[in-house]
Amino acid sequence: MTDNKLYENNPLHGTSLSTVLNELVDHYGFAILYAYLNINCFNKNPSIAASLKFLKKTQWAREKVESFYLYQYKNLPRASASEFEKPPRERIIPDGVTPQAPAELSFTDAAILRKKRQEKAEHHKQANKRQKSRTATKAVRASTQSAKADTNTKLDPWADYR
């Protein structure tokens, strides 16, 4: 099978970013998109033109919107771990998997999702703090041990001046 044939099952194949954005805004609106994606172009100056300009310049935001399009709007099953590492346009959707009806989204679900993300980020910060303190403690111990080793030698620092 050719590479082109593999990607034809992807709903993003042959679909422009403006088409994706128009479909999402027509179905969900800017408020829901901001609530779920937390991208300010949907909150400040919410227009198709401004959002499209931002998304064309910013790869991470474009990939976030395209993932939202695939897994919320087209309601496809989650990708495998190896596929999820790839950008959404490069993911291979298996044959037989067809887009479903768009997911029903609400502001309450968005608030719950945002709270989970904040807790996960806080947990990640705490883990990083612990890791940094451990490495700092090891560095301090190593430097104090090397300082102790220097003091244990029987060299006389005033030997040259006597």
N, C-alpha and C. Protein backbone atom coordinates (compact mmCIF):
# COMPACT_ATOMS: atom_id res chain seq x y z
N MET A 1 0.84 -1.17 0.00
CA MET A 1 0.00 0.00 0.00
C MET A 1 0.89 1.24 0.00
N THR A 2 0.52 2.24 -0.76
CA THR A 2 1.33 3.45 -0.81
C THR A 2 1.05 4.32 0.40
N ASP A 3 1.98 5.24 0.66
CA ASP A 3 1.82 6.14 1.80
C ASP A 3 0.57 7.00 1.64
N ASN A 4 0.29 7.41 0.41
CA ASN A 4 -0.88 8.26 0.17
C ASN A 4 -2.16 7.53 0.54
N LYS A 5 -2.21 6.25 0.24
CA LYS A 5 -3.40 5.45 0.53
C LYS A 5 -3.62 5.33 2.04
N LEU A 6 -2.54 5.25 2.80
CA LEU A 6 -2.64 5.11 4.25
C LEU A 6 -3.29 6.33 4.89
N TYR A 7 -2.97 7.51 4.38
CA TYR A 7 -3.45 8.74 5.00
C TYR A 7 -4.83 9.16 4.52
N GLU A 8 -5.36 8.53 3.49
CA GLU A 8 -6.65 8.94 2.95
C GLU A 8 -7.79 8.68 3.92
N ASN A 9 -7.63 7.78 4.85
CA ASN A 9 -8.68 7.50 5.83
C ASN A 9 -8.72 8.55 6.93
N ASN A 10 -7.68 9.37 7.04
CA ASN A 10 -7.62 10.43 8.04
C ASN A 10 -8.57 11.56 7.63
N PRO A 11 -9.51 11.95 8.49
CA PRO A 11 -10.45 13.03 8.14
C PRO A 11 -9.78 14.36 7.83
N LEU A 12 -8.54 14.54 8.27
CA LEU A 12 -7.83 15.79 7.98
C LEU A 12 -7.18 15.77 6.60
N HIS A 13 -7.15 14.60 5.95
CA HIS A 13 -6.53 14.48 4.63
C HIS A 13 -7.32 15.31 3.62
N GLY A 14 -6.67 16.28 3.01
CA GLY A 14 -7.32 17.13 2.01
C GLY A 14 -8.20 18.21 2.59
N THR A 15 -8.17 18.39 3.91
CA THR A 15 -9.00 19.39 4.57
C THR A 15 -8.09 20.53 5.02
N SER A 16 -8.45 21.75 4.64
CA SER A 16 -7.63 22.90 5.03
C SER A 16 -7.92 23.30 6.47
N LEU A 17 -7.01 24.06 7.04
CA LEU A 17 -7.18 24.53 8.41
C LEU A 17 -8.40 25.43 8.53
N SER A 18 -8.66 26.22 7.50
CA SER A 18 -9.83 27.12 7.56
C SER A 18 -11.13 26.31 7.56
N THR A 19 -11.17 25.21 6.82
CA THR A 19 -12.35 24.36 6.81
C THR A 19 -12.56 23.73 8.18
N VAL A 20 -11.48 23.24 8.77
CA VAL A 20 -11.55 22.64 10.11
C VAL A 20 -12.07 23.66 11.11
N LEU A 21 -11.50 24.85 11.07
CA LEU A 21 -11.89 25.91 12.01
C LEU A 21 -13.34 26.32 11.80
N ASN A 22 -13.76 26.47 10.55
CA ASN A 22 -15.16 26.84 10.27
C ASN A 22 -16.13 25.79 10.79
N GLU A 23 -15.81 24.52 10.57
CA GLU A 23 -16.70 23.45 11.05
C GLU A 23 -16.80 23.47 12.58
N LEU A 24 -15.67 23.63 13.25
CA LEU A 24 -15.67 23.64 14.71
C LEU A 24 -16.44 24.84 15.26
N VAL A 25 -16.23 26.01 14.68
CA VAL A 25 -16.91 27.22 15.16
C VAL A 25 -18.40 27.14 14.87
N ASP A 26 -18.77 26.63 13.70
CA ASP A 26 -20.20 26.51 13.37
C ASP A 26 -20.91 25.55 14.32
N HIS A 27 -20.23 24.48 14.70
CA HIS A 27 -20.89 23.48 15.55
C HIS A 27 -20.82 23.84 17.04
N TYR A 28 -19.64 24.25 17.51
CA TYR A 28 -19.45 24.47 18.95
C TYR A 28 -19.47 25.95 19.35
N GLY A 29 -18.92 26.81 18.54
CA GLY A 29 -18.81 28.22 18.90
C GLY A 29 -17.47 28.51 19.57
N PHE A 30 -17.13 29.79 19.62
CA PHE A 30 -15.83 30.19 20.17
C PHE A 30 -15.74 29.94 21.68
N ALA A 31 -16.85 30.11 22.39
CA ALA A 31 -16.81 29.97 23.85
C ALA A 31 -16.45 28.54 24.26
N ILE A 32 -17.08 27.55 23.63
CA ILE A 32 -16.77 26.14 23.95
C ILE A 32 -15.34 25.81 23.54
N LEU A 33 -14.91 26.31 22.39
CA LEU A 33 -13.54 26.04 21.95
C LEU A 33 -12.54 26.60 22.95
N TYR A 34 -12.79 27.80 23.45
CA TYR A 34 -11.88 28.36 24.46
C TYR A 34 -11.94 27.56 25.75
N ALA A 35 -13.13 27.14 26.16
CA ALA A 35 -13.27 26.40 27.41
C ALA A 35 -12.51 25.07 27.36
N TYR A 36 -12.53 24.40 26.23
CA TYR A 36 -11.88 23.09 26.12
C TYR A 36 -10.40 23.19 25.76
N LEU A 37 -10.06 24.11 24.85
CA LEU A 37 -8.69 24.16 24.35
C LEU A 37 -7.81 25.17 25.08
N ASN A 38 -8.42 26.15 25.74
CA ASN A 38 -7.69 27.16 26.49
C ASN A 38 -6.66 27.88 25.62
N ILE A 39 -7.09 28.25 24.41
CA ILE A 39 -6.27 29.02 23.49
C ILE A 39 -6.92 30.40 23.38
N ASN A 40 -6.16 31.43 23.70
CA ASN A 40 -6.73 32.77 23.80
C ASN A 40 -7.26 33.34 22.50
N CYS A 41 -6.87 32.81 21.35
CA CYS A 41 -7.41 33.35 20.10
C CYS A 41 -8.91 33.09 19.99
N PHE A 42 -9.44 32.17 20.79
CA PHE A 42 -10.88 31.92 20.80
C PHE A 42 -11.59 32.77 21.85
N ASN A 43 -10.83 33.45 22.70
CA ASN A 43 -11.40 34.28 23.75
C ASN A 43 -11.24 35.76 23.43
N LYS A 44 -10.04 36.18 23.13
CA LYS A 44 -9.75 37.57 22.76
C LYS A 44 -9.91 37.70 21.25
N ASN A 45 -10.71 38.65 20.82
CA ASN A 45 -10.94 38.88 19.39
C ASN A 45 -11.36 37.59 18.68
N PRO A 46 -12.47 36.98 19.09
CA PRO A 46 -12.86 35.71 18.48
C PRO A 46 -13.45 35.89 17.08
N SER A 47 -12.62 35.70 16.09
CA SER A 47 -13.08 35.72 14.71
C SER A 47 -12.33 34.64 13.95
N ILE A 48 -12.91 34.22 12.85
CA ILE A 48 -12.28 33.17 12.04
C ILE A 48 -10.94 33.66 11.52
N ALA A 49 -10.91 34.89 11.00
CA ALA A 49 -9.68 35.41 10.40
C ALA A 49 -8.55 35.51 11.42
N ALA A 50 -8.84 36.06 12.60
CA ALA A 50 -7.81 36.22 13.63
C ALA A 50 -7.34 34.86 14.15
N SER A 51 -8.28 33.95 14.36
CA SER A 51 -7.92 32.62 14.85
C SER A 51 -7.10 31.87 13.81
N LEU A 52 -7.49 31.99 12.55
CA LEU A 52 -6.77 31.32 11.47
C LEU A 52 -5.34 31.86 11.36
N LYS A 53 -5.19 33.16 11.49
CA LYS A 53 -3.86 33.77 11.42
C LYS A 53 -2.97 33.24 12.55
N PHE A 54 -3.52 33.16 13.76
CA PHE A 54 -2.75 32.65 14.90
C PHE A 54 -2.41 31.18 14.71
N LEU A 55 -3.38 30.38 14.29
CA LEU A 55 -3.16 28.94 14.17
C LEU A 55 -2.15 28.61 13.07
N LYS A 56 -2.12 29.41 12.01
CA LYS A 56 -1.14 29.17 10.95
C LYS A 56 0.28 29.43 11.43
N LYS A 57 0.43 30.37 12.37
CA LYS A 57 1.76 30.72 12.86
C LYS A 57 2.23 29.82 14.01
N THR A 58 1.30 29.19 14.70
CA THR A 58 1.63 28.49 15.94
C THR A 58 1.34 26.99 15.80
N GLN A 59 2.39 26.20 15.70
CA GLN A 59 2.23 24.77 15.45
C GLN A 59 1.54 24.04 16.59
N TRP A 60 1.92 24.33 17.85
CA TRP A 60 1.32 23.60 18.97
C TRP A 60 -0.18 23.85 19.04
N ALA A 61 -0.61 25.08 18.76
CA ALA A 61 -2.04 25.40 18.81
C ALA A 61 -2.77 24.72 17.66
N ARG A 62 -2.16 24.71 16.48
CA ARG A 62 -2.77 24.07 15.32
C ARG A 62 -2.95 22.57 15.58
N GLU A 63 -1.94 21.93 16.17
CA GLU A 63 -2.04 20.50 16.46
C GLU A 63 -3.10 20.24 17.53
N LYS A 64 -3.24 21.15 18.48
CA LYS A 64 -4.25 21.00 19.52
C LYS A 64 -5.65 21.08 18.91
N VAL A 65 -5.85 22.03 18.00
CA VAL A 65 -7.16 22.19 17.34
C VAL A 65 -7.44 20.99 16.44
N GLU A 66 -6.44 20.51 15.72
CA GLU A 66 -6.65 19.36 14.84
C GLU A 66 -6.95 18.09 15.64
N SER A 67 -6.31 17.92 16.78
CA SER A 67 -6.62 16.77 17.65
C SER A 67 -8.04 16.88 18.18
N PHE A 68 -8.44 18.08 18.56
CA PHE A 68 -9.81 18.31 19.02
C PHE A 68 -10.79 17.96 17.91
N TYR A 69 -10.47 18.35 16.69
CA TYR A 69 -11.32 18.06 15.53
C TYR A 69 -11.47 16.55 15.33
N LEU A 70 -10.37 15.82 15.44
CA LEU A 70 -10.42 14.38 15.23
C LEU A 70 -11.17 13.64 16.34
N TYR A 71 -10.87 13.99 17.59
CA TYR A 71 -11.34 13.16 18.70
C TYR A 71 -12.59 13.69 19.39
N GLN A 72 -12.98 14.92 19.15
CA GLN A 72 -14.23 15.44 19.70
C GLN A 72 -15.27 15.63 18.60
N TYR A 73 -14.89 16.36 17.54
CA TYR A 73 -15.85 16.66 16.49
C TYR A 73 -16.14 15.43 15.62
N LYS A 74 -15.09 14.75 15.18
CA LYS A 74 -15.29 13.53 14.38
C LYS A 74 -15.48 12.30 15.26
N ASN A 75 -15.22 12.43 16.54
CA ASN A 75 -15.48 11.39 17.54
C ASN A 75 -14.81 10.06 17.19
N LEU A 76 -13.55 10.14 16.79
CA LEU A 76 -12.78 8.93 16.49
C LEU A 76 -12.25 8.33 17.78
N PRO A 77 -11.97 7.02 17.81
CA PRO A 77 -11.36 6.43 19.01
C PRO A 77 -9.94 6.97 19.19
N ARG A 78 -9.48 6.98 20.44
CA ARG A 78 -8.15 7.51 20.74
C ARG A 78 -7.08 6.74 19.97
N ALA A 79 -6.04 7.45 19.59
CA ALA A 79 -4.95 6.85 18.85
C ALA A 79 -4.05 6.06 19.79
N SER A 80 -3.31 5.12 19.23
CA SER A 80 -2.35 4.37 20.04
C SER A 80 -1.22 5.30 20.46
N ALA A 81 -0.41 4.85 21.38
CA ALA A 81 0.66 5.69 21.91
C ALA A 81 1.65 6.09 20.81
N SER A 82 1.98 5.16 19.94
CA SER A 82 2.93 5.48 18.86
C SER A 82 2.33 6.46 17.86
N GLU A 83 1.05 6.33 17.58
CA GLU A 83 0.38 7.26 16.67
C GLU A 83 0.16 8.62 17.32
N PHE A 84 -0.05 8.62 18.63
CA PHE A 84 -0.34 9.88 19.32
C PHE A 84 0.88 10.79 19.36
N GLU A 85 2.08 10.23 19.22
CA GLU A 85 3.29 11.04 19.20
C GLU A 85 3.41 11.84 17.92
N LYS A 86 2.75 11.40 16.86
CA LYS A 86 2.80 12.09 15.57
C LYS A 86 1.82 13.26 15.56
N PRO A 87 2.06 14.25 14.70
CA PRO A 87 1.07 15.33 14.53
C PRO A 87 -0.23 14.74 13.97
N PRO A 88 -1.37 15.38 14.24
CA PRO A 88 -2.66 14.82 13.82
C PRO A 88 -2.78 14.55 12.32
N ARG A 89 -2.18 15.37 11.49
CA ARG A 89 -2.29 15.18 10.04
C ARG A 89 -1.49 13.96 9.56
N GLU A 90 -0.53 13.51 10.34
CA GLU A 90 0.30 12.37 9.96
C GLU A 90 -0.17 11.05 10.57
N ARG A 91 -1.20 11.09 11.37
CA ARG A 91 -1.69 9.87 12.01
C ARG A 91 -2.43 9.01 11.00
N ILE A 92 -2.24 7.72 11.16
CA ILE A 92 -2.90 6.77 10.28
C ILE A 92 -4.13 6.23 11.01
N ILE A 93 -5.28 6.47 10.42
CA ILE A 93 -6.54 5.97 10.97
C ILE A 93 -6.80 4.62 10.31
N PRO A 94 -7.02 3.55 11.09
CA PRO A 94 -7.22 2.23 10.50
C PRO A 94 -8.46 2.18 9.60
N ASP A 95 -8.41 1.28 8.62
CA ASP A 95 -9.58 1.07 7.76
C ASP A 95 -10.73 0.57 8.62
N GLY A 96 -11.92 0.94 8.26
CA GLY A 96 -13.09 0.50 9.00
C GLY A 96 -13.48 1.45 10.12
N VAL A 97 -12.61 2.37 10.49
CA VAL A 97 -12.94 3.36 11.51
C VAL A 97 -13.48 4.58 10.78
N THR A 98 -14.74 4.88 11.05
CA THR A 98 -15.37 6.01 10.39
C THR A 98 -15.75 7.07 11.41
N PRO A 99 -15.79 8.33 10.99
CA PRO A 99 -16.19 9.40 11.91
C PRO A 99 -17.62 9.19 12.41
N GLN A 100 -17.84 9.51 13.67
CA GLN A 100 -19.15 9.39 14.30
C GLN A 100 -19.76 10.78 14.45
N ALA A 101 -20.89 10.84 15.11
CA ALA A 101 -21.54 12.12 15.40
C ALA A 101 -20.66 12.91 16.37
N PRO A 102 -20.64 14.24 16.25
CA PRO A 102 -19.81 15.04 17.15
C PRO A 102 -20.19 14.84 18.61
N ALA A 103 -19.19 14.92 19.47
CA ALA A 103 -19.42 14.76 20.91
C ALA A 103 -20.19 15.96 21.44
N GLU A 104 -21.07 15.69 22.40
CA GLU A 104 -21.82 16.76 23.06
C GLU A 104 -20.94 17.34 24.16
N LEU A 105 -20.63 18.61 24.05
CA LEU A 105 -19.74 19.26 25.01
C LEU A 105 -20.50 20.33 25.78
N SER A 106 -20.11 20.51 27.04
CA SER A 106 -20.77 21.52 27.87
C SER A 106 -19.71 22.27 28.68
N PHE A 107 -20.12 23.41 29.21
CA PHE A 107 -19.20 24.21 30.01
C PHE A 107 -18.86 23.52 31.34
N THR A 108 -19.80 22.75 31.89
CA THR A 108 -19.51 22.05 33.15
C THR A 108 -18.46 20.97 32.93
N ASP A 109 -18.57 20.25 31.82
CA ASP A 109 -17.55 19.24 31.50
C ASP A 109 -16.20 19.90 31.26
N ALA A 110 -16.21 21.07 30.63
CA ALA A 110 -14.96 21.79 30.39
C ALA A 110 -14.33 22.22 31.71
N ALA A 111 -15.15 22.65 32.67
CA ALA A 111 -14.62 23.06 33.97
C ALA A 111 -14.00 21.87 34.70
N ILE A 112 -14.65 20.72 34.63
CA ILE A 112 -14.11 19.50 35.25
C ILE A 112 -12.79 19.11 34.60
N LEU A 113 -12.74 19.17 33.27
CA LEU A 113 -11.52 18.83 32.54
C LEU A 113 -10.39 19.80 32.89
N ARG A 114 -10.71 21.08 32.99
CA ARG A 114 -9.70 22.08 33.34
C ARG A 114 -9.16 21.83 34.75
N LYS A 115 -10.05 21.45 35.68
CA LYS A 115 -9.63 21.17 37.05
C LYS A 115 -8.68 19.96 37.08
N LYS A 116 -9.01 18.91 36.31
CA LYS A 116 -8.13 17.74 36.24
C LYS A 116 -6.76 18.12 35.69
N ARG A 117 -6.75 18.96 34.65
CA ARG A 117 -5.49 19.39 34.06
C ARG A 117 -4.65 20.19 35.06
N GLN A 118 -5.31 21.05 35.84
CA GLN A 118 -4.59 21.83 36.84
C GLN A 118 -4.00 20.93 37.92
N GLU A 119 -4.76 19.93 38.37
CA GLU A 119 -4.26 19.00 39.37
C GLU A 119 -3.07 18.20 38.83
N LYS A 120 -3.16 17.79 37.57
CA LYS A 120 -2.07 17.04 36.96
C LYS A 120 -0.83 17.92 36.83
N ALA A 121 -1.01 19.18 36.46
CA ALA A 121 0.12 20.10 36.34
C ALA A 121 0.74 20.36 37.71
N GLU A 122 -0.09 20.49 38.73
CA GLU A 122 0.41 20.72 40.09
C GLU A 122 1.21 19.50 40.57
N HIS A 123 0.69 18.31 40.29
CA HIS A 123 1.40 17.08 40.66
C HIS A 123 2.75 17.01 39.94
N HIS A 124 2.76 17.40 38.68
CA HIS A 124 3.99 17.38 37.89
C HIS A 124 5.00 18.39 38.46
N LYS A 125 4.52 19.56 38.87
CA LYS A 125 5.40 20.56 39.48
C LYS A 125 6.02 20.03 40.77
N GLN A 126 5.19 19.38 41.60
CA GLN A 126 5.69 18.84 42.86
C GLN A 126 6.75 17.77 42.61
N ALA A 127 6.51 16.93 41.63
CA ALA A 127 7.49 15.88 41.30
C ALA A 127 8.79 16.51 40.83
N ASN A 128 8.71 17.57 40.04
CA ASN A 128 9.93 18.24 39.57
C ASN A 128 10.67 18.89 40.73
N LYS A 129 9.93 19.48 41.68
CA LYS A 129 10.57 20.10 42.84
C LYS A 129 11.32 19.06 43.65
N ARG A 130 10.69 17.90 43.86
CA ARG A 130 11.34 16.83 44.61
C ARG A 130 12.60 16.36 43.89
N GLN A 131 12.50 16.20 42.58
CA GLN A 131 13.65 15.74 41.80
C GLN A 131 14.79 16.75 41.87
N LYS A 132 14.46 18.04 41.75
CA LYS A 132 15.49 19.08 41.80
C LYS A 132 16.14 19.13 43.18
N SER A 133 15.33 18.98 44.24
CA SER A 133 15.91 19.03 45.58
C SER A 133 16.80 17.83 45.83
N ARG A 134 16.44 16.68 45.28
CA ARG A 134 17.29 15.49 45.44
C ARG A 134 18.63 15.69 44.75
N THR A 135 18.61 16.21 43.54
CA THR A 135 19.87 16.41 42.83
C THR A 135 20.70 17.50 43.49
N ALA A 136 20.04 18.53 44.03
CA ALA A 136 20.77 19.58 44.74
C ALA A 136 21.40 19.03 46.00
N THR A 137 20.67 18.18 46.72
CA THR A 137 21.20 17.57 47.93
C THR A 137 22.40 16.69 47.61
N LYS A 138 22.31 15.92 46.54
CA LYS A 138 23.44 15.07 46.14
C LYS A 138 24.65 15.91 45.78
N ALA A 139 24.44 17.03 45.11
CA ALA A 139 25.55 17.91 44.73
C ALA A 139 26.20 18.51 45.96
N VAL A 140 25.39 18.92 46.94
CA VAL A 140 25.93 19.49 48.18
C VAL A 140 26.73 18.43 48.92
N ARG A 141 26.20 17.22 49.00
CA ARG A 141 26.91 16.14 49.70
C ARG A 141 28.24 15.84 49.02
N ALA A 142 28.22 15.81 47.70
CA ALA A 142 29.45 15.52 46.97
C ALA A 142 30.48 16.62 47.19
N SER A 143 30.05 17.87 47.20
CA SER A 143 31.01 18.96 47.39
C SER A 143 31.54 18.98 48.82
N THR A 144 30.70 18.67 49.81
CA THR A 144 31.18 18.65 51.20
C THR A 144 32.13 17.48 51.42
N GLN A 145 31.86 16.34 50.78
CA GLN A 145 32.75 15.20 50.93
C GLN A 145 34.10 15.49 50.29
N SER A 146 34.10 16.17 49.15
CA SER A 146 35.38 16.50 48.52
C SER A 146 36.12 17.54 49.36
N ALA A 147 35.38 18.44 50.02
CA ALA A 147 36.02 19.42 50.90
C ALA A 147 36.61 18.72 52.12
N LYS A 148 35.90 17.73 52.66
CA LYS A 148 36.42 16.96 53.79
C LYS A 148 37.68 16.20 53.38
N ALA A 149 37.68 15.67 52.19
CA ALA A 149 38.85 14.94 51.71
C ALA A 149 40.05 15.88 51.61
N ASP A 150 39.83 17.13 51.22
CA ASP A 150 40.91 18.10 51.13
C ASP A 150 41.47 18.44 52.50
N THR A 151 40.61 18.52 53.51
CA THR A 151 41.06 18.87 54.85
C THR A 151 41.78 17.72 55.53
N ASN A 152 41.51 16.49 55.11
CA ASN A 152 42.14 15.33 55.73
C ASN A 152 43.59 15.16 55.31
N THR A 153 44.01 15.79 54.25
CA THR A 153 45.40 15.65 53.84
C THR A 153 46.28 16.42 54.81
N LYS A 154 47.50 15.97 54.98
CA LYS A 154 48.41 16.54 55.99
C LYS A 154 49.33 17.59 55.38
N LEU A 155 48.85 18.39 54.49
CA LEU A 155 49.67 19.43 53.89
C LEU A 155 49.66 20.66 54.79
N ASP A 156 50.80 21.28 54.88
CA ASP A 156 50.92 22.51 55.67
C ASP A 156 50.84 23.69 54.70
N PRO A 157 49.79 24.50 54.79
CA PRO A 157 49.66 25.60 53.84
C PRO A 157 50.72 26.68 54.04
N TRP A 158 51.38 26.74 55.22
CA TRP A 158 52.37 27.77 55.50
C TRP A 158 53.81 27.26 55.30
N ALA A 159 53.93 26.07 54.74
CA ALA A 159 55.25 25.47 54.61
C ALA A 159 56.19 26.32 53.76
N ASP A 160 55.71 26.95 52.73
CA ASP A 160 56.57 27.75 51.86
C ASP A 160 57.01 29.05 52.52
N TYR A 161 56.30 29.51 53.51
CA TYR A 161 56.57 30.81 54.11
C TYR A 161 57.34 30.72 55.42
N ARG A 162 57.77 29.57 55.85
CA ARG A 162 58.49 29.43 57.11
C ARG A 162 59.95 29.50 56.89
